[in-house]
Amino acid sequence: MAKMTKSQIMNALAESTGLSKKEVVNFVDKLVELAYSEVKTNGEFVVPGFGKFVKVHRAARMGRNPATGESIQIAAKTVVKFRVAKAAKDAVL
């Protein structure tokens, strides 16, 4: 089964909510924009019943270049992770 495209997701949300596709696209864009700004400033953004985005510091570590087998130093960095809510896990699994 193929993955849903962004357009298909927006159409499905528009049909199930009774809103126009333009309203749904605007809402989703604003939700994503809010999530990005909240993670950047507060370190996390929670979508109840779905999960949360969390800003995590990843420590420096040794890695390996797969082409040459040479050991390389990978610098520390901050990444964003998504943690799925228990309700979402239970619903899917």
PDB file of N, CA and C in Angstrom:
ATOM      1  N   MET A   1       0.845  -1.185   0.000  1.00  0.00           N
ATOM      2  CA  MET A   1       0.000   0.000   0.000  1.00  0.00           C
ATOM      3  C   MET A   1       0.887   1.244   0.000  1.00  0.00           C
ATOM      4  N   ALA A   2       0.565   2.192  -0.839  1.00  0.00           N
ATOM      5  CA  ALA A   2       1.357   3.413  -0.967  1.00  0.00           C
ATOM      6  C   ALA A   2       1.057   4.378   0.180  1.00  0.00           C
ATOM      7  N   LYS A   3       2.051   5.206   0.501  1.00  0.00           N
ATOM      8  CA  LYS A   3       1.881   6.230   1.529  1.00  0.00           C
ATOM      9  C   LYS A   3       0.971   7.332   1.006  1.00  0.00           C
ATOM     10  N   MET A   4       0.270   7.983   1.936  1.00  0.00           N
ATOM     11  CA  MET A   4      -0.584   9.111   1.548  1.00  0.00           C
ATOM     12  C   MET A   4       0.291  10.327   1.271  1.00  0.00           C
ATOM     13  N   THR A   5      -0.053  11.062   0.231  1.00  0.00           N
ATOM     14  CA  THR A   5       0.650  12.304  -0.065  1.00  0.00           C
ATOM     15  C   THR A   5       0.055  13.414   0.798  1.00  0.00           C
ATOM     16  N   LYS A   6       0.735  14.549   0.834  1.00  0.00           N
ATOM     17  CA  LYS A   6       0.222  15.688   1.599  1.00  0.00           C
ATOM     18  C   LYS A   6      -1.158  16.091   1.086  1.00  0.00           C
ATOM     19  N   SER A   7      -1.328  16.109  -0.227  1.00  0.00           N
ATOM     20  CA  SER A   7      -2.603  16.482  -0.825  1.00  0.00           C
ATOM     21  C   SER A   7      -3.713  15.507  -0.428  1.00  0.00           C
ATOM     22  N   GLN A   8      -3.405  14.219  -0.410  1.00  0.00           N
ATOM     23  CA  GLN A   8      -4.398  13.217  -0.022  1.00  0.00           C
ATOM     24  C   GLN A   8      -4.781  13.368   1.450  1.00  0.00           C
ATOM     25  N   ILE A   9      -3.791  13.668   2.297  1.00  0.00           N
ATOM     26  CA  ILE A   9      -4.062  13.873   3.720  1.00  0.00           C
ATOM     27  C   ILE A   9      -4.976  15.073   3.902  1.00  0.00           C
ATOM     28  N   MET A  10      -4.677  16.175   3.207  1.00  0.00           N
ATOM     29  CA  MET A  10      -5.493  17.385   3.322  1.00  0.00           C
ATOM     30  C   MET A  10      -6.913  17.135   2.827  1.00  0.00           C
ATOM     31  N   ASN A  11      -7.051  16.393   1.727  1.00  0.00           N
ATOM     32  CA  ASN A  11      -8.386  16.062   1.217  1.00  0.00           C
ATOM     33  C   ASN A  11      -9.168  15.222   2.215  1.00  0.00           C
ATOM     34  N   ALA A  12      -8.513  14.223   2.818  1.00  0.00           N
ATOM     35  CA  ALA A  12      -9.175  13.349   3.788  1.00  0.00           C
ATOM     36  C   ALA A  12      -9.610  14.143   5.019  1.00  0.00           C
ATOM     37  N   LEU A  13      -8.751  15.049   5.493  1.00  0.00           N
ATOM     38  CA  LEU A  13      -9.112  15.882   6.644  1.00  0.00           C
ATOM     39  C   LEU A  13     -10.265  16.823   6.305  1.00  0.00           C
ATOM     40  N   ALA A  14     -10.249  17.387   5.112  1.00  0.00           N
ATOM     41  CA  ALA A  14     -11.320  18.289   4.689  1.00  0.00           C
ATOM     42  C   ALA A  14     -12.659  17.548   4.629  1.00  0.00           C
ATOM     43  N   GLU A  15     -12.651  16.342   4.074  1.00  0.00           N
ATOM     44  CA  GLU A  15     -13.888  15.557   3.969  1.00  0.00           C
ATOM     45  C   GLU A  15     -14.421  15.159   5.336  1.00  0.00           C
ATOM     46  N   SER A  16     -13.525  14.725   6.244  1.00  0.00           N
ATOM     47  CA  SER A  16     -13.989  14.232   7.539  1.00  0.00           C
ATOM     48  C   SER A  16     -14.395  15.350   8.498  1.00  0.00           C
ATOM     49  N   THR A  17     -13.871  16.563   8.316  1.00  0.00           N
ATOM     50  CA  THR A  17     -14.212  17.672   9.217  1.00  0.00           C
ATOM     51  C   THR A  17     -15.292  18.590   8.662  1.00  0.00           C
ATOM     52  N   GLY A  18     -15.512  18.536   7.365  1.00  0.00           N
ATOM     53  CA  GLY A  18     -16.494  19.428   6.754  1.00  0.00           C
ATOM     54  C   GLY A  18     -15.928  20.814   6.468  1.00  0.00           C
ATOM     55  N   LEU A  19     -14.646  21.021   6.720  1.00  0.00           N
ATOM     56  CA  LEU A  19     -14.001  22.296   6.422  1.00  0.00           C
ATOM     57  C   LEU A  19     -13.541  22.293   4.966  1.00  0.00           C
ATOM     58  N   SER A  20     -13.237  23.472   4.458  1.00  0.00           N
ATOM     59  CA  SER A  20     -12.724  23.538   3.095  1.00  0.00           C
ATOM     60  C   SER A  20     -11.260  23.083   3.106  1.00  0.00           C
ATOM     61  N   LYS A  21     -10.788  22.665   1.956  1.00  0.00           N
ATOM     62  CA  LYS A  21      -9.393  22.210   1.859  1.00  0.00           C
ATOM     63  C   LYS A  21      -8.446  23.361   2.208  1.00  0.00           C
ATOM     64  N   LYS A  22      -8.800  24.576   1.798  1.00  0.00           N
ATOM     65  CA  LYS A  22      -7.969  25.744   2.083  1.00  0.00           C
ATOM     66  C   LYS A  22      -7.852  25.980   3.591  1.00  0.00           C
ATOM     67  N   GLU A  23      -8.966  25.828   4.307  1.00  0.00           N
ATOM     68  CA  GLU A  23      -8.958  25.992   5.764  1.00  0.00           C
ATOM     69  C   GLU A  23      -8.106  24.915   6.433  1.00  0.00           C
ATOM     70  N   VAL A  24      -8.212  23.684   5.957  1.00  0.00           N
ATOM     71  CA  VAL A  24      -7.435  22.576   6.526  1.00  0.00           C
ATOM     72  C   VAL A  24      -5.943  22.796   6.287  1.00  0.00           C
ATOM     73  N   VAL A  25      -5.573  23.176   5.087  1.00  0.00           N
ATOM     74  CA  VAL A  25      -4.162  23.434   4.767  1.00  0.00           C
ATOM     75  C   VAL A  25      -3.629  24.555   5.651  1.00  0.00           C
ATOM     76  N   ASN A  26      -4.393  25.626   5.821  1.00  0.00           N
ATOM     77  CA  ASN A  26      -3.988  26.743   6.665  1.00  0.00           C
ATOM     78  C   ASN A  26      -3.817  26.293   8.120  1.00  0.00           C
ATOM     79  N   PHE A  27      -4.769  25.490   8.623  1.00  0.00           N
ATOM     80  CA  PHE A  27      -4.694  24.998   9.996  1.00  0.00           C
ATOM     81  C   PHE A  27      -3.457  24.136  10.209  1.00  0.00           C
ATOM     82  N   VAL A  28      -3.211  23.192   9.313  1.00  0.00           N
ATOM     83  CA  VAL A  28      -2.062  22.302   9.450  1.00  0.00           C
ATOM     84  C   VAL A  28      -0.751  23.094   9.372  1.00  0.00           C
ATOM     85  N   ASP A  29      -0.676  24.050   8.457  1.00  0.00           N
ATOM     86  CA  ASP A  29       0.525  24.885   8.353  1.00  0.00           C
ATOM     87  C   ASP A  29       0.769  25.659   9.647  1.00  0.00           C
ATOM     88  N   LYS A  30      -0.288  26.220  10.237  1.00  0.00           N
ATOM     89  CA  LYS A  30      -0.153  26.973  11.491  1.00  0.00           C
ATOM     90  C   LYS A  30       0.235  26.048  12.651  1.00  0.00           C
ATOM     91  N   LEU A  31      -0.299  24.823  12.669  1.00  0.00           N
ATOM     92  CA  LEU A  31       0.047  23.855  13.711  1.00  0.00           C
ATOM     93  C   LEU A  31       1.527  23.488  13.628  1.00  0.00           C
ATOM     94  N   VAL A  32       2.020  23.253  12.426  1.00  0.00           N
ATOM     95  CA  VAL A  32       3.433  22.926  12.218  1.00  0.00           C
ATOM     96  C   VAL A  32       4.317  24.099  12.618  1.00  0.00           C
ATOM     97  N   GLU A  33       3.919  25.301  12.220  1.00  0.00           N
ATOM     98  CA  GLU A  33       4.667  26.514  12.574  1.00  0.00           C
ATOM     99  C   GLU A  33       4.737  26.685  14.093  1.00  0.00           C
ATOM    100  N   LEU A  34       3.612  26.456  14.773  1.00  0.00           N
ATOM    101  CA  LEU A  34       3.566  26.539  16.234  1.00  0.00           C
ATOM    102  C   LEU A  34       4.462  25.473  16.868  1.00  0.00           C
ATOM    103  N   ALA A  35       4.421  24.253  16.330  1.00  0.00           N
ATOM    104  CA  ALA A  35       5.252  23.168  16.859  1.00  0.00           C
ATOM    105  C   ALA A  35       6.727  23.529  16.753  1.00  0.00           C
ATOM    106  N   TYR A  36       7.155  24.033  15.621  1.00  0.00           N
ATOM    107  CA  TYR A  36       8.565  24.409  15.439  1.00  0.00           C
ATOM    108  C   TYR A  36       8.986  25.480  16.433  1.00  0.00           C
ATOM    109  N   SER A  37       8.165  26.530  16.602  1.00  0.00           N
ATOM    110  CA  SER A  37       8.548  27.626  17.497  1.00  0.00           C
ATOM    111  C   SER A  37       8.549  27.174  18.954  1.00  0.00           C
ATOM    112  N   GLU A  38       7.594  26.328  19.344  1.00  0.00           N
ATOM    113  CA  GLU A  38       7.552  25.834  20.721  1.00  0.00           C
ATOM    114  C   GLU A  38       8.733  24.928  21.044  1.00  0.00           C
ATOM    115  N   VAL A  39       9.100  24.045  20.123  1.00  0.00           N
ATOM    116  CA  VAL A  39      10.257  23.171  20.351  1.00  0.00           C
ATOM    117  C   VAL A  39      11.522  24.006  20.452  1.00  0.00           C
ATOM    118  N   LYS A  40      11.622  25.021  19.611  1.00  0.00           N
ATOM    119  CA  LYS A  40      12.816  25.870  19.616  1.00  0.00           C
ATOM    120  C   LYS A  40      12.936  26.642  20.926  1.00  0.00           C
ATOM    121  N   THR A  41      11.826  27.177  21.439  1.00  0.00           N
ATOM    122  CA  THR A  41      11.899  28.003  22.645  1.00  0.00           C
ATOM    123  C   THR A  41      11.770  27.202  23.942  1.00  0.00           C
ATOM    124  N   ASN A  42      10.857  26.227  23.996  1.00  0.00           N
ATOM    125  CA  ASN A  42      10.585  25.503  25.235  1.00  0.00           C
ATOM    126  C   ASN A  42      11.162  24.098  25.288  1.00  0.00           C
ATOM    127  N   GLY A  43      11.646  23.593  24.180  1.00  0.00           N
ATOM    128  CA  GLY A  43      12.256  22.262  24.180  1.00  0.00           C
ATOM    129  C   GLY A  43      11.310  21.120  23.898  1.00  0.00           C
ATOM    130  N   GLU A  44       9.991  21.371  23.903  1.00  0.00           N
ATOM    131  CA  GLU A  44       9.053  20.306  23.549  1.00  0.00           C
ATOM    132  C   GLU A  44       7.715  20.881  23.107  1.00  0.00           C
ATOM    133  N   PHE A  45       6.984  20.074  22.332  1.00  0.00           N
ATOM    134  CA  PHE A  45       5.642  20.434  21.869  1.00  0.00           C
ATOM    135  C   PHE A  45       4.799  19.175  21.912  1.00  0.00           C
ATOM    136  N   VAL A  46       3.710  19.202  22.676  1.00  0.00           N
ATOM    137  CA  VAL A  46       2.870  18.025  22.880  1.00  0.00           C
ATOM    138  C   VAL A  46       1.598  18.129  22.051  1.00  0.00           C
ATOM    139  N   VAL A  47       1.276  17.048  21.330  1.00  0.00           N
ATOM    140  CA  VAL A  47      -0.006  16.910  20.657  1.00  0.00           C
ATOM    141  C   VAL A  47      -0.736  15.807  21.418  1.00  0.00           C
ATOM    142  N   PRO A  48      -1.682  16.160  22.298  1.00  0.00           N
ATOM    143  CA  PRO A  48      -2.336  15.164  23.151  1.00  0.00           C
ATOM    144  C   PRO A  48      -2.912  13.993  22.354  1.00  0.00           C
ATOM    145  N   GLY A  49      -2.616  12.786  22.823  1.00  0.00           N
ATOM    146  CA  GLY A  49      -3.120  11.577  22.181  1.00  0.00           C
ATOM    147  C   GLY A  49      -2.331  11.149  20.957  1.00  0.00           C
ATOM    148  N   PHE A  50      -1.332  11.942  20.553  1.00  0.00           N
ATOM    149  CA  PHE A  50      -0.553  11.638  19.350  1.00  0.00           C
ATOM    150  C   PHE A  50       0.924  11.462  19.687  1.00  0.00           C
ATOM    151  N   GLY A  51       1.488  12.422  20.411  1.00  0.00           N
ATOM    152  CA  GLY A  51       2.889  12.334  20.795  1.00  0.00           C
ATOM    153  C   GLY A  51       3.472  13.700  21.050  1.00  0.00           C
ATOM    154  N   LYS A  52       4.795  13.751  21.183  1.00  0.00           N
ATOM    155  CA  LYS A  52       5.426  15.045  21.403  1.00  0.00           C
ATOM    156  C   LYS A  52       6.775  15.120  20.710  1.00  0.00           C
ATOM    157  N   PHE A  53       7.094  16.341  20.279  1.00  0.00           N
ATOM    158  CA  PHE A  53       8.393  16.642  19.719  1.00  0.00           C
ATOM    159  C   PHE A  53       9.260  17.126  20.871  1.00  0.00           C
ATOM    160  N   VAL A  54      10.488  16.596  20.969  1.00  0.00           N
ATOM    161  CA  VAL A  54      11.387  16.949  22.056  1.00  0.00           C
ATOM    162  C   VAL A  54      12.747  17.312  21.486  1.00  0.00           C
ATOM    163  N   LYS A  55      13.307  18.419  21.967  1.00  0.00           N
ATOM    164  CA  LYS A  55      14.654  18.825  21.573  1.00  0.00           C
ATOM    165  C   LYS A  55      15.633  18.100  22.497  1.00  0.00           C
ATOM    166  N   VAL A  56      16.595  17.367  21.911  1.00  0.00           N
ATOM    167  CA  VAL A  56      17.535  16.556  22.676  1.00  0.00           C
ATOM    168  C   VAL A  56      18.959  16.876  22.260  1.00  0.00           C
ATOM    169  N   HIS A  57      19.854  16.968  23.252  1.00  0.00           N
ATOM    170  CA  HIS A  57      21.276  17.184  22.965  1.00  0.00           C
ATOM    171  C   HIS A  57      21.923  15.819  22.741  1.00  0.00           C
ATOM    172  N   ARG A  58      22.586  15.654  21.618  1.00  0.00           N
ATOM    173  CA  ARG A  58      23.288  14.404  21.303  1.00  0.00           C
ATOM    174  C   ARG A  58      24.777  14.642  21.528  1.00  0.00           C
ATOM    175  N   ALA A  59      25.398  13.839  22.388  1.00  0.00           N
ATOM    176  CA  ALA A  59      26.808  14.007  22.740  1.00  0.00           C
ATOM    177  C   ALA A  59      27.718  13.631  21.570  1.00  0.00           C
ATOM    178  N   ALA A  60      28.951  14.147  21.613  1.00  0.00           N
ATOM    179  CA  ALA A  60      29.944  13.789  20.600  1.00  0.00           C
ATOM    180  C   ALA A  60      30.258  12.299  20.727  1.00  0.00           C
ATOM    181  N   ARG A  61      30.599  11.665  19.602  1.00  0.00           N
ATOM    182  CA  ARG A  61      30.897  10.230  19.637  1.00  0.00           C
ATOM    183  C   ARG A  61      31.812   9.854  18.497  1.00  0.00           C
ATOM    184  N   MET A  62      32.366   8.662  18.586  1.00  0.00           N
ATOM    185  CA  MET A  62      33.200   8.143  17.508  1.00  0.00           C
ATOM    186  C   MET A  62      32.302   7.390  16.527  1.00  0.00           C
ATOM    187  N   GLY A  63      32.551   7.600  15.247  1.00  0.00           N
ATOM    188  CA  GLY A  63      31.805   6.902  14.207  1.00  0.00           C
ATOM    189  C   GLY A  63      32.765   6.244  13.242  1.00  0.00           C
ATOM    190  N   ARG A  64      32.242   5.637  12.213  1.00  0.00           N
ATOM    191  CA  ARG A  64      33.075   4.948  11.245  1.00  0.00           C
ATOM    192  C   ARG A  64      32.617   5.308   9.846  1.00  0.00           C
ATOM    193  N   ASN A  65      33.577   5.695   8.997  1.00  0.00           N
ATOM    194  CA  ASN A  65      33.278   5.977   7.599  1.00  0.00           C
ATOM    195  C   ASN A  65      33.029   4.632   6.913  1.00  0.00           C
ATOM    196  N   PRO A  66      31.821   4.385   6.403  1.00  0.00           N
ATOM    197  CA  PRO A  66      31.521   3.078   5.813  1.00  0.00           C
ATOM    198  C   PRO A  66      32.324   2.779   4.547  1.00  0.00           C
ATOM    199  N   ALA A  67      32.759   3.822   3.841  1.00  0.00           N
ATOM    200  CA  ALA A  67      33.502   3.601   2.598  1.00  0.00           C
ATOM    201  C   ALA A  67      34.933   3.145   2.866  1.00  0.00           C
ATOM    202  N   THR A  68      35.570   3.755   3.876  1.00  0.00           N
ATOM    203  CA  THR A  68      36.984   3.464   4.126  1.00  0.00           C
ATOM    204  C   THR A  68      37.215   2.661   5.395  1.00  0.00           C
ATOM    205  N   GLY A  69      36.226   2.607   6.286  1.00  0.00           N
ATOM    206  CA  GLY A  69      36.408   1.916   7.557  1.00  0.00           C
ATOM    207  C   GLY A  69      37.152   2.765   8.572  1.00  0.00           C
ATOM    208  N   GLU A  70      37.493   3.995   8.205  1.00  0.00           N
ATOM    209  CA  GLU A  70      38.258   4.881   9.068  1.00  0.00           C
ATOM    210  C   GLU A  70      37.370   5.414  10.202  1.00  0.00           C
ATOM    211  N   SER A  71      37.915   5.496  11.427  1.00  0.00           N
ATOM    212  CA  SER A  71      37.202   6.068  12.556  1.00  0.00           C
ATOM    213  C   SER A  71      37.201   7.589  12.427  1.00  0.00           C
ATOM    214  N   ILE A  72      36.045   8.183  12.705  1.00  0.00           N
ATOM    215  CA  ILE A  72      35.936   9.640  12.633  1.00  0.00           C
ATOM    216  C   ILE A  72      35.228  10.153  13.889  1.00  0.00           C
ATOM    217  N   GLN A  73      35.504  11.395  14.239  1.00  0.00           N
ATOM    218  CA  GLN A  73      34.847  12.028  15.376  1.00  0.00           C
ATOM    219  C   GLN A  73      33.574  12.725  14.882  1.00  0.00           C
ATOM    220  N   ILE A  74      32.448  12.399  15.496  1.00  0.00           N
ATOM    221  CA  ILE A  74      31.184  13.038  15.152  1.00  0.00           C
ATOM    222  C   ILE A  74      30.894  14.071  16.240  1.00  0.00           C
ATOM    223  N   ALA A  75      30.707  15.317  15.844  1.00  0.00           N
ATOM    224  CA  ALA A  75      30.521  16.416  16.790  1.00  0.00           C
ATOM    225  C   ALA A  75      29.177  16.319  17.516  1.00  0.00           C
ATOM    226  N   ALA A  76      29.112  16.921  18.705  1.00  0.00           N
ATOM    227  CA  ALA A  76      27.863  17.006  19.458  1.00  0.00           C
ATOM    228  C   ALA A  76      26.902  17.924  18.709  1.00  0.00           C
ATOM    229  N   LYS A  77      25.602  17.648  18.837  1.00  0.00           N
ATOM    230  CA  LYS A  77      24.619  18.507  18.194  1.00  0.00           C
ATOM    231  C   LYS A  77      23.266  18.342  18.870  1.00  0.00           C
ATOM    232  N   THR A  78      22.367  19.257  18.583  1.00  0.00           N
ATOM    233  CA  THR A  78      21.010  19.201  19.101  1.00  0.00           C
ATOM    234  C   THR A  78      20.100  18.705  17.982  1.00  0.00           C
ATOM    235  N   VAL A  79      19.234  17.740  18.329  1.00  0.00           N
ATOM    236  CA  VAL A  79      18.319  17.157  17.350  1.00  0.00           C
ATOM    237  C   VAL A  79      16.895  17.193  17.898  1.00  0.00           C
ATOM    238  N   VAL A  80      15.914  17.024  17.026  1.00  0.00           N
ATOM    239  CA  VAL A  80      14.512  16.941  17.438  1.00  0.00           C
ATOM    240  C   VAL A  80      14.063  15.499  17.259  1.00  0.00           C
ATOM    241  N   LYS A  81      13.455  14.942  18.313  1.00  0.00           N
ATOM    242  CA  LYS A  81      12.934  13.583  18.254  1.00  0.00           C
ATOM    243  C   LYS A  81      11.427  13.620  18.468  1.00  0.00           C
ATOM    244  N   PHE A  82      10.740  12.629  17.929  1.00  0.00           N
ATOM    245  CA  PHE A  82       9.299  12.512  18.135  1.00  0.00           C
ATOM    246  C   PHE A  82       9.048  11.290  18.991  1.00  0.00           C
ATOM    247  N   ARG A  83       8.326  11.476  20.083  1.00  0.00           N
ATOM    248  CA  ARG A  83       7.976  10.369  20.978  1.00  0.00           C
ATOM    249  C   ARG A  83       6.476  10.129  20.855  1.00  0.00           C
ATOM    250  N   VAL A  84       6.121   8.921  20.462  1.00  0.00           N
ATOM    251  CA  VAL A  84       4.721   8.573  20.232  1.00  0.00           C
ATOM    252  C   VAL A  84       4.013   8.391  21.570  1.00  0.00           C
ATOM    253  N   ALA A  85       2.796   8.908  21.684  1.00  0.00           N
ATOM    254  CA  ALA A  85       2.001   8.791  22.901  1.00  0.00           C
ATOM    255  C   ALA A  85       1.520   7.356  23.070  1.00  0.00           C
ATOM    256  N   LYS A  86       1.322   6.946  24.322  1.00  0.00           N
ATOM    257  CA  LYS A  86       0.855   5.595  24.617  1.00  0.00           C
ATOM    258  C   LYS A  86      -0.492   5.332  23.953  1.00  0.00           C
ATOM    259  N   ALA A  87      -1.370   6.323  23.946  1.00  0.00           N
ATOM    260  CA  ALA A  87      -2.693   6.157  23.321  1.00  0.00           C
ATOM    261  C   ALA A  87      -2.551   5.833  21.830  1.00  0.00           C
ATOM    262  N   ALA A  88      -1.599   6.494  21.159  1.00  0.00           N
ATOM    263  CA  ALA A  88      -1.367   6.237  19.737  1.00  0.00           C
ATOM    264  C   ALA A  88      -0.815   4.826  19.529  1.00  0.00           C
ATOM    265  N   LYS A  89       0.128   4.416  20.377  1.00  0.00           N
ATOM    266  CA  LYS A  89       0.686   3.057  20.280  1.00  0.00           C
ATOM    267  C   LYS A  89      -0.419   2.019  20.454  1.00  0.00           C
ATOM    268  N   ASP A  90      -1.246   2.218  21.474  1.00  0.00           N
ATOM    269  CA  ASP A  90      -2.326   1.262  21.752  1.00  0.00           C
ATOM    270  C   ASP A  90      -3.319   1.185  20.598  1.00  0.00           C
ATOM    271  N   ALA A  91      -3.617   2.330  19.981  1.00  0.00           N
ATOM    272  CA  ALA A  91      -4.576   2.359  18.882  1.00  0.00           C
ATOM    273  C   ALA A  91      -4.038   1.658  17.647  1.00  0.00           C
ATOM    274  N   VAL A  92      -2.729   1.795  17.401  1.00  0.00           N
ATOM    275  CA  VAL A  92      -2.130   1.216  16.200  1.00  0.00           C
ATOM    276  C   VAL A  92      -1.770  -0.244  16.395  1.00  0.00           C
ATOM    277  N   LEU A  93      -1.222  -0.566  17.541  1.00  0.00           N
ATOM    278  CA  LEU A  93      -0.763  -1.934  17.792  1.00  0.00           C
ATOM    279  C   LEU A  93      -1.869  -2.742  18.436  1.00  0.00           C
TER     280      LEU A  93
END
